Amino acid sequence: QVRLVESGGGLVQAGGSLRLSCLASGRILSSHHMGWFRQAPGKDREFVARISWSAGFTYHGDSVKGRFTISRDTAKNTVYLQMNSLKPEDTAVYYCAAGMVATTTSNLYNYWGQGTQVTVSS
C-alpha cells in the first residue's frame, strides 16, 4: 500500500552534516505517523525520531535530541532527517517507517524502506 525509499546517506567526518530523505509513494493517509530508525551491526534497531503526517508533531530520541531534526513536506510526500554534529556512534543503516500509531516501537510500524547507510569517521 505504501512504498518508502530512503536516500541521502554517505560517508562524513565527525562534526559534519547529512540530510536524509524518505520519499513515500502509494496512499498516504492524514492519520499516518512517520518514523526514522537506525541499526548498527550487532545492535537492536533504535528509534531516532517520528512525526505526525497531519499536524507535524515531532518527537526525537534522547541520543539525537538537539542534533537531528525530523520534518516533512506533504506536497512532496517526503520526510526528512537533518543530521548535524554527527558522531562516529551515529554510524548505522537508517530506515524510514510508516504506521498508524504514534510510537517509538519499531514493530508497531507497518511499512519500511530498505535503508540508507550513514558512516561517520572520527
N, C-alpha and C. Protein backbone atom coordinates (compact mmCIF):
# COMPACT_ATOMS: atom_id res chain seq x y z
N GLN A 1 0.82 -1.20 0.00
CA GLN A 1 0.00 0.00 0.00
C GLN A 1 0.86 1.26 0.00
N VAL A 2 1.93 1.26 0.80
CA VAL A 2 2.83 2.39 0.90
C VAL A 2 4.25 1.91 0.59
N ARG A 3 4.92 2.61 -0.30
CA ARG A 3 6.29 2.34 -0.65
C ARG A 3 7.18 3.47 -0.14
N LEU A 4 8.25 3.13 0.57
CA LEU A 4 9.16 4.11 1.15
C LEU A 4 10.56 3.87 0.61
N VAL A 5 11.20 4.94 0.16
CA VAL A 5 12.55 4.86 -0.39
C VAL A 5 13.41 5.93 0.25
N GLU A 6 14.46 5.50 0.97
CA GLU A 6 15.37 6.42 1.62
C GLU A 6 16.51 6.80 0.68
N SER A 7 17.06 7.99 0.89
CA SER A 7 18.23 8.43 0.16
C SER A 7 18.97 9.47 1.00
N GLY A 8 20.20 9.78 0.60
CA GLY A 8 20.97 10.83 1.25
C GLY A 8 22.08 10.36 2.16
N GLY A 9 22.20 9.06 2.37
CA GLY A 9 23.27 8.56 3.22
C GLY A 9 24.63 8.71 2.55
N GLY A 10 25.67 8.49 3.33
CA GLY A 10 27.01 8.60 2.80
C GLY A 10 28.05 8.59 3.90
N LEU A 11 29.27 8.95 3.54
CA LEU A 11 30.41 8.99 4.45
C LEU A 11 30.74 10.44 4.78
N VAL A 12 30.77 10.77 6.07
CA VAL A 12 31.11 12.11 6.51
C VAL A 12 32.05 12.03 7.71
N GLN A 13 32.77 13.10 7.95
CA GLN A 13 33.62 13.19 9.13
C GLN A 13 32.81 13.64 10.34
N ALA A 14 33.30 13.27 11.52
CA ALA A 14 32.65 13.70 12.75
C ALA A 14 32.50 15.22 12.77
N GLY A 15 31.34 15.67 13.22
CA GLY A 15 31.02 17.08 13.22
C GLY A 15 30.31 17.57 11.98
N GLY A 16 30.25 16.74 10.95
CA GLY A 16 29.61 17.11 9.71
C GLY A 16 28.11 16.90 9.74
N SER A 17 27.48 17.13 8.59
CA SER A 17 26.03 17.07 8.48
C SER A 17 25.61 16.27 7.26
N LEU A 18 24.43 15.66 7.36
CA LEU A 18 23.77 14.99 6.25
C LEU A 18 22.28 15.22 6.38
N ARG A 19 21.59 15.22 5.26
CA ARG A 19 20.13 15.24 5.26
C ARG A 19 19.62 14.01 4.54
N LEU A 20 18.88 13.17 5.25
CA LEU A 20 18.26 12.00 4.68
C LEU A 20 16.85 12.35 4.20
N SER A 21 16.43 11.70 3.12
CA SER A 21 15.10 11.88 2.59
C SER A 21 14.39 10.54 2.51
N CYS A 22 13.10 10.55 2.73
CA CYS A 22 12.25 9.37 2.60
C CYS A 22 11.08 9.75 1.70
N LEU A 23 11.10 9.24 0.48
CA LEU A 23 10.03 9.50 -0.47
C LEU A 23 8.98 8.41 -0.36
N ALA A 24 7.74 8.80 -0.11
CA ALA A 24 6.63 7.87 0.03
C ALA A 24 5.77 7.89 -1.22
N SER A 25 5.43 6.70 -1.70
CA SER A 25 4.51 6.57 -2.81
C SER A 25 3.36 5.67 -2.39
N GLY A 26 2.29 5.68 -3.18
CA GLY A 26 1.08 4.97 -2.79
C GLY A 26 0.15 5.89 -2.03
N ARG A 27 -0.68 5.30 -1.20
CA ARG A 27 -1.70 6.05 -0.49
C ARG A 27 -1.19 6.44 0.90
N ILE A 28 -0.99 7.75 1.08
CA ILE A 28 -0.58 8.29 2.37
C ILE A 28 -1.81 8.89 3.06
N LEU A 29 -2.12 8.41 4.24
CA LEU A 29 -3.27 8.88 5.00
C LEU A 29 -2.87 10.01 5.93
N SER A 30 -3.81 10.92 6.15
CA SER A 30 -3.56 12.03 7.06
C SER A 30 -3.23 11.56 8.47
N SER A 31 -3.74 10.39 8.85
CA SER A 31 -3.51 9.86 10.18
C SER A 31 -2.21 9.09 10.32
N HIS A 32 -1.43 8.97 9.25
CA HIS A 32 -0.16 8.26 9.32
C HIS A 32 0.84 8.97 10.22
N HIS A 33 1.70 8.16 10.81
CA HIS A 33 2.87 8.66 11.51
C HIS A 33 4.11 8.10 10.82
N MET A 34 5.12 8.94 10.69
CA MET A 34 6.35 8.57 10.01
C MET A 34 7.49 8.56 11.02
N GLY A 35 8.35 7.57 10.90
CA GLY A 35 9.46 7.46 11.84
C GLY A 35 10.78 7.18 11.15
N TRP A 36 11.85 7.55 11.82
CA TRP A 36 13.21 7.17 11.43
C TRP A 36 13.79 6.28 12.52
N PHE A 37 14.36 5.16 12.11
CA PHE A 37 15.07 4.24 12.98
C PHE A 37 16.45 4.00 12.41
N ARG A 38 17.34 3.47 13.24
CA ARG A 38 18.67 3.12 12.76
C ARG A 38 19.11 1.82 13.42
N GLN A 39 20.00 1.12 12.72
CA GLN A 39 20.51 -0.14 13.22
C GLN A 39 21.98 -0.29 12.85
N ALA A 40 22.81 -0.41 13.87
CA ALA A 40 24.23 -0.66 13.68
C ALA A 40 24.49 -2.16 13.77
N PRO A 41 25.59 -2.65 13.19
CA PRO A 41 25.89 -4.09 13.24
C PRO A 41 25.92 -4.61 14.67
N GLY A 42 25.22 -5.72 14.91
CA GLY A 42 25.19 -6.34 16.22
C GLY A 42 24.32 -5.66 17.25
N LYS A 43 23.58 -4.63 16.86
CA LYS A 43 22.74 -3.90 17.79
C LYS A 43 21.27 -3.95 17.35
N ASP A 44 20.38 -3.72 18.31
CA ASP A 44 18.96 -3.66 18.01
C ASP A 44 18.62 -2.39 17.24
N ARG A 45 17.50 -2.45 16.55
CA ARG A 45 17.02 -1.27 15.85
C ARG A 45 16.62 -0.21 16.87
N GLU A 46 17.10 1.02 16.67
CA GLU A 46 16.96 2.10 17.63
C GLU A 46 16.07 3.20 17.06
N PHE A 47 15.15 3.69 17.88
CA PHE A 47 14.32 4.81 17.50
C PHE A 47 15.14 6.09 17.39
N VAL A 48 14.90 6.86 16.34
CA VAL A 48 15.59 8.12 16.12
C VAL A 48 14.63 9.30 16.25
N ALA A 49 13.54 9.29 15.49
CA ALA A 49 12.60 10.40 15.50
C ALA A 49 11.30 9.98 14.85
N ARG A 50 10.21 10.70 15.15
CA ARG A 50 8.94 10.46 14.49
C ARG A 50 8.20 11.78 14.29
N ILE A 51 7.24 11.76 13.37
CA ILE A 51 6.47 12.94 13.04
C ILE A 51 5.08 12.51 12.59
N SER A 52 4.05 13.25 13.00
CA SER A 52 2.70 13.00 12.51
C SER A 52 2.54 13.66 11.15
N TRP A 53 1.95 12.91 10.20
CA TRP A 53 1.81 13.43 8.85
C TRP A 53 0.90 14.65 8.79
N SER A 54 -0.17 14.62 9.57
CA SER A 54 -1.17 15.67 9.50
C SER A 54 -0.72 16.95 10.20
N ALA A 55 -0.38 16.85 11.49
CA ALA A 55 -0.12 18.03 12.29
C ALA A 55 1.35 18.42 12.35
N GLY A 56 2.24 17.50 12.00
CA GLY A 56 3.66 17.79 12.06
C GLY A 56 4.26 17.73 13.45
N PHE A 57 3.56 17.13 14.40
CA PHE A 57 4.13 16.94 15.73
C PHE A 57 5.37 16.05 15.64
N THR A 58 6.43 16.44 16.34
CA THR A 58 7.69 15.71 16.29
C THR A 58 8.13 15.24 17.66
N TYR A 59 8.89 14.17 17.66
CA TYR A 59 9.49 13.63 18.86
C TYR A 59 10.82 13.01 18.47
N HIS A 60 11.88 13.30 19.24
CA HIS A 60 13.21 12.83 18.93
C HIS A 60 13.78 11.99 20.08
N GLY A 61 14.52 10.97 19.72
CA GLY A 61 15.15 10.14 20.72
C GLY A 61 16.23 10.89 21.48
N ASP A 62 16.47 10.45 22.72
CA ASP A 62 17.42 11.14 23.58
C ASP A 62 18.82 11.22 22.98
N SER A 63 19.24 10.19 22.26
CA SER A 63 20.59 10.15 21.73
C SER A 63 20.83 11.15 20.60
N VAL A 64 19.76 11.67 20.01
CA VAL A 64 19.91 12.59 18.88
C VAL A 64 19.28 13.94 19.12
N LYS A 65 18.59 14.10 20.24
CA LYS A 65 17.89 15.36 20.52
C LYS A 65 18.87 16.52 20.55
N GLY A 66 18.51 17.59 19.84
CA GLY A 66 19.37 18.75 19.75
C GLY A 66 20.33 18.71 18.57
N ARG A 67 20.50 17.55 17.96
CA ARG A 67 21.39 17.40 16.80
C ARG A 67 20.63 17.05 15.52
N PHE A 68 19.61 16.21 15.64
CA PHE A 68 18.83 15.76 14.49
C PHE A 68 17.46 16.43 14.52
N THR A 69 16.89 16.67 13.35
CA THR A 69 15.57 17.26 13.24
C THR A 69 14.78 16.55 12.15
N ILE A 70 13.61 16.01 12.52
CA ILE A 70 12.72 15.40 11.54
C ILE A 70 11.74 16.45 11.04
N SER A 71 11.40 16.39 9.77
CA SER A 71 10.42 17.29 9.18
C SER A 71 9.74 16.58 8.01
N ARG A 72 8.67 17.20 7.50
CA ARG A 72 8.01 16.60 6.34
C ARG A 72 7.51 17.69 5.41
N ASP A 73 7.42 17.34 4.13
CA ASP A 73 6.84 18.18 3.10
C ASP A 73 5.69 17.38 2.51
N THR A 74 4.48 17.71 2.91
CA THR A 74 3.32 16.93 2.49
C THR A 74 3.08 17.03 0.98
N ALA A 75 3.42 18.17 0.38
CA ALA A 75 3.24 18.33 -1.05
C ALA A 75 4.15 17.40 -1.84
N LYS A 76 5.30 17.06 -1.28
CA LYS A 76 6.26 16.17 -1.94
C LYS A 76 6.20 14.74 -1.45
N ASN A 77 5.32 14.45 -0.49
CA ASN A 77 5.23 13.12 0.13
C ASN A 77 6.60 12.67 0.64
N THR A 78 7.30 13.58 1.29
CA THR A 78 8.67 13.32 1.70
C THR A 78 8.87 13.67 3.16
N VAL A 79 9.59 12.81 3.86
CA VAL A 79 10.03 13.05 5.23
C VAL A 79 11.54 13.20 5.22
N TYR A 80 12.05 14.14 6.00
CA TYR A 80 13.47 14.42 6.05
C TYR A 80 14.01 14.16 7.44
N LEU A 81 15.30 13.86 7.50
CA LEU A 81 16.03 13.81 8.75
C LEU A 81 17.31 14.61 8.57
N GLN A 82 17.33 15.82 9.13
CA GLN A 82 18.52 16.65 9.10
C GLN A 82 19.41 16.24 10.26
N MET A 83 20.63 15.84 9.96
CA MET A 83 21.56 15.34 10.96
C MET A 83 22.76 16.27 11.02
N ASN A 84 22.94 16.93 12.15
CA ASN A 84 24.06 17.83 12.37
C ASN A 84 24.93 17.30 13.50
N SER A 85 26.14 17.82 13.59
CA SER A 85 27.08 17.44 14.64
C SER A 85 27.21 15.93 14.74
N LEU A 86 27.41 15.28 13.62
CA LEU A 86 27.44 13.82 13.58
C LEU A 86 28.62 13.27 14.36
N LYS A 87 28.37 12.13 15.00
CA LYS A 87 29.38 11.44 15.80
C LYS A 87 29.61 10.05 15.22
N PRO A 88 30.78 9.45 15.47
CA PRO A 88 31.01 8.09 14.99
C PRO A 88 29.94 7.10 15.45
N GLU A 89 29.39 7.27 16.64
CA GLU A 89 28.36 6.37 17.13
C GLU A 89 27.03 6.52 16.41
N ASP A 90 26.90 7.52 15.53
CA ASP A 90 25.73 7.63 14.68
C ASP A 90 25.80 6.70 13.47
N THR A 91 26.93 6.06 13.25
CA THR A 91 27.09 5.16 12.12
C THR A 91 26.08 4.02 12.20
N ALA A 92 25.29 3.86 11.15
CA ALA A 92 24.25 2.84 11.13
C ALA A 92 23.56 2.87 9.78
N VAL A 93 22.71 1.87 9.54
CA VAL A 93 21.76 1.93 8.45
C VAL A 93 20.51 2.62 8.98
N TYR A 94 20.06 3.64 8.28
CA TYR A 94 18.91 4.42 8.69
C TYR A 94 17.70 4.02 7.87
N TYR A 95 16.58 3.73 8.56
CA TYR A 95 15.36 3.26 7.93
C TYR A 95 14.22 4.24 8.15
N CYS A 96 13.43 4.43 7.14
CA CYS A 96 12.19 5.18 7.23
C CYS A 96 11.04 4.20 7.43
N ALA A 97 10.05 4.58 8.23
CA ALA A 97 8.91 3.72 8.52
C ALA A 97 7.63 4.53 8.58
N ALA A 98 6.50 3.85 8.36
CA ALA A 98 5.18 4.48 8.42
C ALA A 98 4.22 3.56 9.13
N GLY A 99 3.30 4.14 9.89
CA GLY A 99 2.29 3.36 10.59
C GLY A 99 1.16 4.24 11.07
N MET A 100 0.24 3.62 11.79
CA MET A 100 -0.96 4.30 12.27
C MET A 100 -0.88 4.65 13.75
N VAL A 101 0.25 4.36 14.38
CA VAL A 101 0.41 4.57 15.81
C VAL A 101 1.57 5.52 16.06
N ALA A 102 1.36 6.50 16.93
CA ALA A 102 2.43 7.40 17.35
C ALA A 102 3.27 6.68 18.40
N THR A 103 4.38 6.10 17.98
CA THR A 103 5.14 5.22 18.85
C THR A 103 6.62 5.27 18.52
N THR A 104 7.44 4.87 19.49
CA THR A 104 8.87 4.70 19.30
C THR A 104 9.24 3.23 19.11
N THR A 105 8.27 2.34 19.09
CA THR A 105 8.50 0.90 19.00
C THR A 105 8.48 0.47 17.54
N SER A 106 9.58 -0.12 17.08
CA SER A 106 9.72 -0.41 15.66
C SER A 106 8.70 -1.40 15.14
N ASN A 107 8.35 -2.43 15.93
CA ASN A 107 7.46 -3.46 15.41
C ASN A 107 6.00 -3.03 15.35
N LEU A 108 5.69 -1.80 15.73
CA LEU A 108 4.34 -1.27 15.58
C LEU A 108 4.18 -0.46 14.29
N TYR A 109 5.23 -0.30 13.53
CA TYR A 109 5.15 0.33 12.22
C TYR A 109 4.86 -0.71 11.15
N ASN A 110 4.10 -0.32 10.15
CA ASN A 110 3.60 -1.25 9.14
C ASN A 110 4.44 -1.30 7.88
N TYR A 111 5.06 -0.20 7.50
CA TYR A 111 5.79 -0.10 6.24
C TYR A 111 7.20 0.37 6.50
N TRP A 112 8.14 -0.18 5.74
CA TRP A 112 9.56 0.13 5.91
C TRP A 112 10.25 0.30 4.58
N GLY A 113 11.21 1.22 4.54
CA GLY A 113 12.10 1.31 3.41
C GLY A 113 13.25 0.33 3.54
N GLN A 114 14.14 0.32 2.56
CA GLN A 114 15.26 -0.61 2.54
C GLN A 114 16.48 -0.10 3.29
N GLY A 115 16.48 1.16 3.66
CA GLY A 115 17.56 1.72 4.45
C GLY A 115 18.61 2.42 3.61
N THR A 116 19.32 3.34 4.26
CA THR A 116 20.44 4.03 3.64
C THR A 116 21.58 4.11 4.66
N GLN A 117 22.80 3.81 4.21
CA GLN A 117 23.95 3.72 5.10
C GLN A 117 24.50 5.11 5.42
N VAL A 118 24.72 5.36 6.70
CA VAL A 118 25.39 6.56 7.17
C VAL A 118 26.64 6.12 7.92
N THR A 119 27.80 6.61 7.49
CA THR A 119 29.06 6.28 8.13
C THR A 119 29.75 7.57 8.54
N VAL A 120 30.11 7.68 9.81
CA VAL A 120 30.75 8.87 10.36
C VAL A 120 32.14 8.48 10.83
N SER A 121 33.16 9.07 10.25
CA SER A 121 34.53 8.77 10.60
C SER A 121 35.03 9.73 11.67
N SER A 122 35.93 9.24 12.53
CA SER A 122 36.47 10.05 13.60
C SER A 122 37.69 10.82 13.15
